[in-house]
C-alpha atoms as a PDB file:
ATOM      1  CA  MET A   1     112.356  89.568  94.087  1.00  0.00           C
ATOM      2  CA  GLY A   2     114.318  88.948  97.285  1.00  0.00           C
ATOM      3  CA  PRO A   3     112.841  88.630 100.777  1.00  0.00           C
ATOM      4  CA  ILE A   4     110.936  91.516 102.358  1.00  0.00           C
ATOM      5  CA  LEU A   5     110.908  92.373 106.050  1.00  0.00           C
ATOM      6  CA  LEU A   6     107.570  93.384 107.603  1.00  0.00           C
ATOM      7  CA  ILE A   7     107.900  95.074 111.015  1.00  0.00           C
ATOM      8  CA  GLU A   8     104.345  95.110 112.395  1.00  0.00           C
ATOM      9  CA  ASP A   9     102.909  94.289 115.824  1.00  0.00           C
ATOM     10  CA  ASP A  10      99.559  93.104 114.430  1.00  0.00           C
ATOM     11  CA  VAL A  11     100.202  89.362 114.247  1.00  0.00           C
ATOM     12  CA  GLU A  12      96.992  88.695 112.311  1.00  0.00           C
ATOM     13  CA  LEU A  13      97.876  91.300 109.681  1.00  0.00           C
ATOM     14  CA  CYS A  14     101.346  89.782 109.339  1.00  0.00           C
ATOM     15  CA  GLY A  15      99.821  86.373 108.698  1.00  0.00           C
ATOM     16  CA  LEU A  16      97.474  87.748 106.063  1.00  0.00           C
ATOM     17  CA  MET A  17     100.314  89.595 104.344  1.00  0.00           C
ATOM     18  CA  GLN A  18     102.502  86.491 104.342  1.00  0.00           C
ATOM     19  CA  SER A  19      99.727  84.440 102.737  1.00  0.00           C
ATOM     20  CA  PHE A  20      99.002  87.085 100.096  1.00  0.00           C
ATOM     21  CA  PHE A  21     102.613  87.678  99.098  1.00  0.00           C
ATOM     22  CA  THR A  22     103.439  83.964  99.080  1.00  0.00           C
ATOM     23  CA  GLU A  23     100.793  83.598  96.370  1.00  0.00           C
ATOM     24  CA  HIS A  24     102.761  86.169  94.362  1.00  0.00           C
ATOM     25  CA  GLY A  25     106.081  84.399  94.870  1.00  0.00           C
ATOM     26  CA  ILE A  26     107.395  86.838  97.488  1.00  0.00           C
ATOM     27  CA  THR A  27     108.862  85.801 100.842  1.00  0.00           C
ATOM     28  CA  ILE A  28     107.996  87.989 103.827  1.00  0.00           C
ATOM     29  CA  GLU A  29     109.720  87.719 107.197  1.00  0.00           C
ATOM     30  CA  CYS A  30     107.981  89.323 110.172  1.00  0.00           C
ATOM     31  CA  ALA A  31     109.108  91.085 113.339  1.00  0.00           C
ATOM     32  CA  PHE A  32     106.561  92.138 115.945  1.00  0.00           C
ATOM     33  CA  ASP A  33     108.283  94.992 117.783  1.00  0.00           C
ATOM     34  CA  GLY A  34     110.718  97.754 116.944  1.00  0.00           C
ATOM     35  CA  ARG A  35     113.750  96.275 118.665  1.00  0.00           C
ATOM     36  CA  ALA A  36     113.430  92.881 116.973  1.00  0.00           C
ATOM     37  CA  GLY A  37     112.663  94.515 113.623  1.00  0.00           C
ATOM     38  CA  LEU A  38     115.713  96.739 113.789  1.00  0.00           C
ATOM     39  CA  ALA A  39     117.920  93.776 114.656  1.00  0.00           C
ATOM     40  CA  GLN A  40     116.616  91.788 111.675  1.00  0.00           C
ATOM     41  CA  ALA A  41     116.910  94.752 109.318  1.00  0.00           C
ATOM     42  CA  LEU A  42     120.551  95.261 110.238  1.00  0.00           C
ATOM     43  CA  LYS A  43     121.747  91.654 110.280  1.00  0.00           C
ATOM     44  CA  ALA A  44     120.104  90.381 107.064  1.00  0.00           C
ATOM     45  CA  ARG A  45     119.906  91.592 103.474  1.00  0.00           C
ATOM     46  CA  PHE A  46     116.326  92.434 102.512  1.00  0.00           C
ATOM     47  CA  GLU A  47     114.987  93.714  99.216  1.00  0.00           C
ATOM     48  CA  LEU A  48     112.701  96.146 101.061  1.00  0.00           C
ATOM     49  CA  VAL A  49     111.365  96.896 104.557  1.00  0.00           C
ATOM     50  CA  ILE A  50     107.692  97.541 105.361  1.00  0.00           C
ATOM     51  CA  LEU A  51     107.627  99.406 108.659  1.00  0.00           C
ATOM     52  CA  ASP A  52     104.692 100.243 110.929  1.00  0.00           C
ATOM     53  CA  VAL A  53     104.901 103.527 112.835  1.00  0.00           C
ATOM     54  CA  MET A  54     103.239 102.452 116.102  1.00  0.00           C
ATOM     55  CA  LEU A  55     105.443  99.658 117.450  1.00  0.00           C
ATOM     56  CA  PRO A  56     106.203  98.346 120.945  1.00  0.00           C
ATOM     57  CA  ILE A  57     109.598  99.076 122.583  1.00  0.00           C
ATOM     58  CA  VAL A  58     110.990 101.248 119.746  1.00  0.00           C
ATOM     59  CA  ASP A  59     108.638 103.197 117.484  1.00  0.00           C
ATOM     60  CA  GLY A  60     108.824 103.042 113.702  1.00  0.00           C
ATOM     61  CA  PHE A  61     110.334 106.513 113.282  1.00  0.00           C
ATOM     62  CA  GLU A  62     113.306 105.637 115.489  1.00  0.00           C
ATOM     63  CA  VAL A  63     113.713 102.260 113.771  1.00  0.00           C
ATOM     64  CA  LEU A  64     113.872 104.072 110.431  1.00  0.00           C
ATOM     65  CA  ARG A  65     116.411 106.593 111.729  1.00  0.00           C
ATOM     66  CA  GLN A  66     118.644 103.759 112.896  1.00  0.00           C
ATOM     67  CA  ILE A  67     118.306 101.877 109.595  1.00  0.00           C
ATOM     68  CA  ARG A  68     119.168 105.007 107.610  1.00  0.00           C
ATOM     69  CA  GLN A  69     122.357 105.506 109.599  1.00  0.00           C
ATOM     70  CA  ARG A  70     123.560 102.128 108.358  1.00  0.00           C
ATOM     71  CA  ASN A  71     122.091 101.344 104.928  1.00  0.00           C
ATOM     72  CA  ASP A  72     119.821 102.576 102.136  1.00  0.00           C
ATOM     73  CA  VAL A  73     117.371  99.656 101.895  1.00  0.00           C
ATOM     74  CA  PRO A  74     114.033 100.938 100.504  1.00  0.00           C
ATOM     75  CA  VAL A  75     111.443 101.486 103.266  1.00  0.00           C
ATOM     76  CA  ILE A  76     107.665 101.828 103.023  1.00  0.00           C
ATOM     77  CA  MET A  77     105.999 103.069 106.203  1.00  0.00           C
ATOM     78  CA  LEU A  78     102.528 102.004 107.373  1.00  0.00           C
ATOM     79  CA  THR A  79     100.374 103.863 109.869  1.00  0.00           C
ATOM     80  CA  ALA A  80      96.814 104.224 111.106  1.00  0.00           C
ATOM     81  CA  ARG A  81      97.600 107.832 112.011  1.00  0.00           C
ATOM     82  CA  THR A  82      96.496 110.193 109.267  1.00  0.00           C
ATOM     83  CA  ALA A  83      98.011 113.492 110.448  1.00  0.00           C
ATOM     84  CA  GLN A  84     100.119 115.151 107.765  1.00  0.00           C
ATOM     85  CA  SER A  85     102.819 115.777 110.377  1.00  0.00           C
ATOM     86  CA  ASP A  86     103.262 112.001 110.770  1.00  0.00           C
ATOM     87  CA  ARG A  87     103.730 111.531 107.032  1.00  0.00           C
ATOM     88  CA  ILE A  88     106.255 114.353 106.941  1.00  0.00           C
ATOM     89  CA  THR A  89     108.115 112.876 109.917  1.00  0.00           C
ATOM     90  CA  GLY A  90     108.363 109.541 108.100  1.00  0.00           C
ATOM     91  CA  LEU A  91     109.747 111.198 104.994  1.00  0.00           C
ATOM     92  CA  ASP A  92     112.095 113.313 107.108  1.00  0.00           C
ATOM     93  CA  CYS A  93     113.490 110.114 108.582  1.00  0.00           C
ATOM     94  CA  GLY A  94     114.185 108.706 105.110  1.00  0.00           C
ATOM     95  CA  ALA A  95     111.092 106.702 104.087  1.00  0.00           C
ATOM     96  CA  ASP A  96     110.695 106.057 100.359  1.00  0.00           C
ATOM     97  CA  ASP A  97     106.896 105.828 100.516  1.00  0.00           C
ATOM     98  CA  TYR A  98     104.091 106.108 103.068  1.00  0.00           C
ATOM     99  CA  LEU A  99     100.867 104.077 103.081  1.00  0.00           C
ATOM    100  CA  PRO A 100      97.991 104.821 105.494  1.00  0.00           C
ATOM    101  CA  LYS A 101      95.907 102.039 107.068  1.00  0.00           C
ATOM    102  CA  PRO A 102      93.590 100.463 106.179  1.00  0.00           C
ATOM    103  CA  PHE A 103      95.037  99.488 102.792  1.00  0.00           C
ATOM    104  CA  GLY A 104      94.504  96.775 100.224  1.00  0.00           C
ATOM    105  CA  PRO A 105      97.315  94.237  99.744  1.00  0.00           C
ATOM    106  CA  GLU A 106      97.172  94.873  95.986  1.00  0.00           C
ATOM    107  CA  GLU A 107      97.987  98.539  96.546  1.00  0.00           C
ATOM    108  CA  LEU A 108     100.876  97.653  98.845  1.00  0.00           C
ATOM    109  CA  LEU A 109     102.219  95.229  96.227  1.00  0.00           C
ATOM    110  CA  ALA A 110     102.007  97.941  93.546  1.00  0.00           C
ATOM    111  CA  ARG A 111     103.849 100.397  95.774  1.00  0.00           C
ATOM    112  CA  ILE A 112     106.550  97.832  96.532  1.00  0.00           C
ATOM    113  CA  ARG A 113     107.127  97.291  92.827  1.00  0.00           C
ATOM    114  CA  ALA A 114     107.216 101.053  92.178  1.00  0.00           C
ATOM    115  CA  VAL A 115     109.731 101.691  94.975  1.00  0.00           C
ATOM    116  CA  LEU A 116     111.948  98.834  93.793  1.00  0.00           C
ATOM    117  CA  ARG A 117     111.854 100.117  90.210  1.00  0.00           C
ATOM    118  CA  ARG A 118     113.063 103.484  91.471  1.00  0.00           C
ATOM    119  CA  SER A 119     115.751 102.026  93.707  1.00  0.00           C
ATOM    120  CA  LYS A 120     117.144  99.656  91.070  1.00  0.00           C
ATOM    121  CA  GLY A 121     117.039 101.952  88.063  1.00  0.00           C
ATOM    122  CA  GLY A 122     117.889  99.835  85.058  1.00  0.00           C
ATOM    123  CA  ASN A 123     116.912 102.141  82.201  1.00  0.00           C
ATOM    124  CA  ALA A 124     118.433 103.212  78.932  1.00  0.00           C
ATOM    125  CA  LEU A 125     119.282 106.764  80.010  1.00  0.00           C
ATOM    126  CA  ALA A 126     122.850 108.038  79.947  1.00  0.00           C
ATOM    127  CA  GLU A 127     124.828 106.276  82.674  1.00  0.00           C
ATOM    128  CA  ILE A 128     126.731 109.370  83.809  1.00  0.00           C
ATOM    129  CA  VAL A 129     125.145 112.814  84.114  1.00  0.00           C
ATOM    130  CA  SER A 130     127.474 115.686  85.014  1.00  0.00           C
ATOM    131  CA  VAL A 131     126.296 119.211  85.739  1.00  0.00           C
ATOM    132  CA  GLY A 132     128.680 121.717  87.285  1.00  0.00           C
ATOM    133  CA  ARG A 133     130.274 120.133  90.351  1.00  0.00           C
ATOM    134  CA  LEU A 134     127.821 117.242  90.562  1.00  0.00           C
ATOM    135  CA  ARG A 135     128.152 113.844  88.891  1.00  0.00           C
ATOM    136  CA  LEU A 136     125.288 111.328  88.896  1.00  0.00           C
ATOM    137  CA  ASP A 137     126.018 107.667  88.101  1.00  0.00           C
ATOM    138  CA  VAL A 138     122.839 105.896  86.954  1.00  0.00           C
ATOM    139  CA  ARG A 139     124.252 102.379  87.059  1.00  0.00           C
ATOM    140  CA  SER A 140     125.517 102.550  90.661  1.00  0.00           C
ATOM    141  CA  ARG A 141     122.803 105.043  91.678  1.00  0.00           C
ATOM    142  CA  SER A 142     125.408 107.248  93.300  1.00  0.00           C
ATOM    143  CA  VAL A 143     126.000 111.003  93.324  1.00  0.00           C
ATOM    144  CA  TRP A 144     129.338 112.726  93.761  1.00  0.00           C
ATOM    145  CA  ARG A 145     130.198 116.356  94.506  1.00  0.00           C
ATOM    146  CA  ASP A 146     133.850 117.335  94.077  1.00  0.00           C
ATOM    147  CA  GLN A 147     134.910 113.657  94.333  1.00  0.00           C
ATOM    148  CA  LYS A 148     132.956 113.186  97.579  1.00  0.00           C
ATOM    149  CA  ARG A 149     129.964 110.852  97.561  1.00  0.00           C
ATOM    150  CA  VAL A 150     126.602 112.322  98.592  1.00  0.00           C
ATOM    151  CA  PRO A 151     124.292 109.787 100.337  1.00  0.00           C
ATOM    152  CA  LEU A 152     120.751 109.960  98.907  1.00  0.00           C
ATOM    153  CA  THR A 153     117.562 107.950  99.340  1.00  0.00           C
ATOM    154  CA  ALA A 154     116.010 106.309  96.269  1.00  0.00           C
ATOM    155  CA  ALA A 155     113.415 109.081  95.925  1.00  0.00           C
ATOM    156  CA  GLU A 156     116.022 111.843  96.299  1.00  0.00           C
ATOM    157  CA  PHE A 157     118.211 110.201  93.658  1.00  0.00           C
ATOM    158  CA  ASP A 158     115.327 110.029  91.174  1.00  0.00           C
ATOM    159  CA  ILE A 159     114.326 113.649  91.762  1.00  0.00           C
ATOM    160  CA  LEU A 160     117.908 114.839  91.326  1.00  0.00           C
ATOM    161  CA  GLY A 161     118.233 112.779  88.135  1.00  0.00           C
ATOM    162  CA  VAL A 162     115.182 114.477  86.624  1.00  0.00           C
ATOM    163  CA  LEU A 163     116.460 117.926  87.612  1.00  0.00           C
ATOM    164  CA  MET A 164     120.036 117.405  86.434  1.00  0.00           C
ATOM    165  CA  ARG A 165     118.935 116.042  83.046  1.00  0.00           C
ATOM    166  CA  SER A 166     116.719 119.113  82.700  1.00  0.00           C
ATOM    167  CA  ALA A 167     119.278 121.667  83.956  1.00  0.00           C
ATOM    168  CA  GLY A 168     118.284 125.163  82.840  1.00  0.00           C
ATOM    169  CA  ARG A 169     114.638 124.168  82.275  1.00  0.00           C
ATOM    170  CA  ILE A 170     111.769 124.486  84.751  1.00  0.00           C
ATOM    171  CA  VAL A 171     110.560 121.027  85.778  1.00  0.00           C
ATOM    172  CA  SER A 172     106.942 120.913  86.957  1.00  0.00           C
ATOM    173  CA  ARG A 173     105.821 119.184  90.142  1.00  0.00           C
ATOM    174  CA  ASP A 174     103.621 116.919  88.003  1.00  0.00           C
ATOM    175  CA  GLU A 175     106.645 115.824  85.977  1.00  0.00           C
ATOM    176  CA  ILE A 176     108.585 114.885  89.098  1.00  0.00           C
ATOM    177  CA  SER A 177     105.551 113.229  90.689  1.00  0.00           C
ATOM    178  CA  ALA A 178     105.036 111.142  87.555  1.00  0.00           C
ATOM    179  CA  VAL A 179     108.563 109.751  87.953  1.00  0.00           C
ATOM    180  CA  LEU A 180     108.168 109.044  91.677  1.00  0.00           C
ATOM    181  CA  TYR A 181     104.561 107.950  91.995  1.00  0.00           C
ATOM    182  CA  GLN A 182     103.243 107.458  88.433  1.00  0.00           C
ATOM    183  CA  ARG A 183     100.533 110.073  89.035  1.00  0.00           C
ATOM    184  CA  PRO A 184     100.104 113.894  89.033  1.00  0.00           C
ATOM    185  CA  ALA A 185     101.045 115.892  92.116  1.00  0.00           C
ATOM    186  CA  THR A 186      98.203 116.796  94.472  1.00  0.00           C
ATOM    187  CA  PRO A 187      97.787 120.451  95.586  1.00  0.00           C
ATOM    188  CA  TYR A 188      98.399 119.795  99.287  1.00  0.00           C
ATOM    189  CA  GLU A 189     100.972 117.034  99.063  1.00  0.00           C
ATOM    190  CA  ARG A 190     104.078 117.804 101.066  1.00  0.00           C
ATOM    191  CA  SER A 191     106.217 114.761 100.312  1.00  0.00           C
ATOM    192  CA  LEU A 192     107.866 116.322  97.266  1.00  0.00           C
ATOM    193  CA  ASP A 193     108.674 119.474  99.250  1.00  0.00           C
ATOM    194  CA  VAL A 194     110.304 117.349 101.948  1.00  0.00           C
ATOM    195  CA  HIS A 195     112.436 115.439  99.418  1.00  0.00           C
ATOM    196  CA  ILE A 196     113.513 118.697  97.727  1.00  0.00           C
ATOM    197  CA  SER A 197     114.425 120.196 101.109  1.00  0.00           C
ATOM    198  CA  HIS A 198     116.590 117.169 101.911  1.00  0.00           C
ATOM    199  CA  LEU A 199     118.296 117.373  98.520  1.00  0.00           C
ATOM    200  CA  ARG A 200     119.151 121.016  99.045  1.00  0.00           C
ATOM    201  CA  GLN A 201     120.708 120.260 102.421  1.00  0.00           C
ATOM    202  CA  LYS A 202     122.813 117.464 100.937  1.00  0.00           C
ATOM    203  CA  ILE A 203     124.075 118.963  97.666  1.00  0.00           C
ATOM    204  CA  GLU A 204     124.193 122.723  98.203  1.00  0.00           C
ATOM    205  CA  ARG A 205     127.251 124.270  99.789  1.00  0.00           C
ATOM    206  CA  ASP A 206     128.581 127.764 100.540  1.00  0.00           C
ATOM    207  CA  GLY A 207     125.090 129.267 100.310  1.00  0.00           C
ATOM    208  CA  THR A 208     124.936 128.714  96.547  1.00  0.00           C
ATOM    209  CA  PRO A 209     121.386 127.605  95.580  1.00  0.00           C
ATOM    210  CA  MET A 210     121.263 124.801  93.005  1.00  0.00           C
ATOM    211  CA  ILE A 211     117.581 123.843  93.143  1.00  0.00           C
ATOM    212  CA  GLN A 212     115.459 126.941  92.722  1.00  0.00           C
ATOM    213  CA  THR A 213     111.711 127.039  93.356  1.00  0.00           C
ATOM    214  CA  VAL A 214     109.792 128.814  90.590  1.00  0.00           C
ATOM    215  CA  ARG A 215     106.522 129.837  92.208  1.00  0.00           C
ATOM    216  CA  GLY A 216     103.492 128.229  90.591  1.00  0.00           C
ATOM    217  CA  GLN A 217     105.611 126.363  88.017  1.00  0.00           C
ATOM    218  CA  GLY A 218     108.049 123.934  89.597  1.00  0.00           C
ATOM    219  CA  TYR A 219     111.803 123.692  90.097  1.00  0.00           C
ATOM    220  CA  LEU A 220     114.867 124.835  88.174  1.00  0.00           C
ATOM    221  CA  PHE A 221     118.273 123.197  88.522  1.00  0.00           C
ATOM    222  CA  ALA A 222     121.037 125.788  88.210  1.00  0.00           C
ATOM    223  CA  ALA A 223     124.532 124.365  87.849  1.00  0.00           C
ATOM    224  CA  GLU A 224     127.092 125.375  90.436  1.00  0.00           C
ATOM    225  CA  PRO A 225     130.307 126.554  88.769  1.00  0.00           C
ATOM    226  CA  ALA A 226     132.965 123.872  88.465  1.00  0.00           C
ATOM    227  CA  PRO A 227     136.028 124.451  90.682  1.00  0.00           C
ATOM    228  CA  SER A 228     138.935 126.221  89.004  1.00  0.00           C
ATOM    229  CA  LYS A 229     142.010 124.144  88.322  1.00  0.00           C
END
């Protein structure tokens, strides 16, 4: 595993995290405010970024927005704020996962590994999945619509992959949650709804719905007709 960037203003927590991850063979570099963290995230190649929400100078949400404008490095957000609106804001900005404080380092390590598995792919599924006007390339983790690339986060890519492979069949929330988080969906969890909303904005055009919500059951991917030649 390559180096990880931790953007966190709690110097003591950074030291503890560095000690813990060093024991597991992982290098962590630290930045202690939003401006410095953003600069490091943009100038160096990191395997993953762990980003606190409440940072001096530039807050974590703005740091994430700026990162997402430039690259798709996986990002896990940390926060002591428990309001659902904060979690939704983080996901809206492009976070791949969200971990509330206080947390155990073992849980953070497990989440890092899960996010990296999703972002790297590396499975035996078909490398190219084509449905209607969309083409999904598993190896490069890219999606194309009418020869134009569609930028997706790691979580959005995985959700779309599940839906496209199951085109014409209702996919339950639990099935999608199992792929993303390795657990069933919770009744009040909004993260999946946020990811689905982002996907719709990115892949649907001309008012033609491709991801349909089936009330009480899940989601149905309906192929958009291929363009006539």
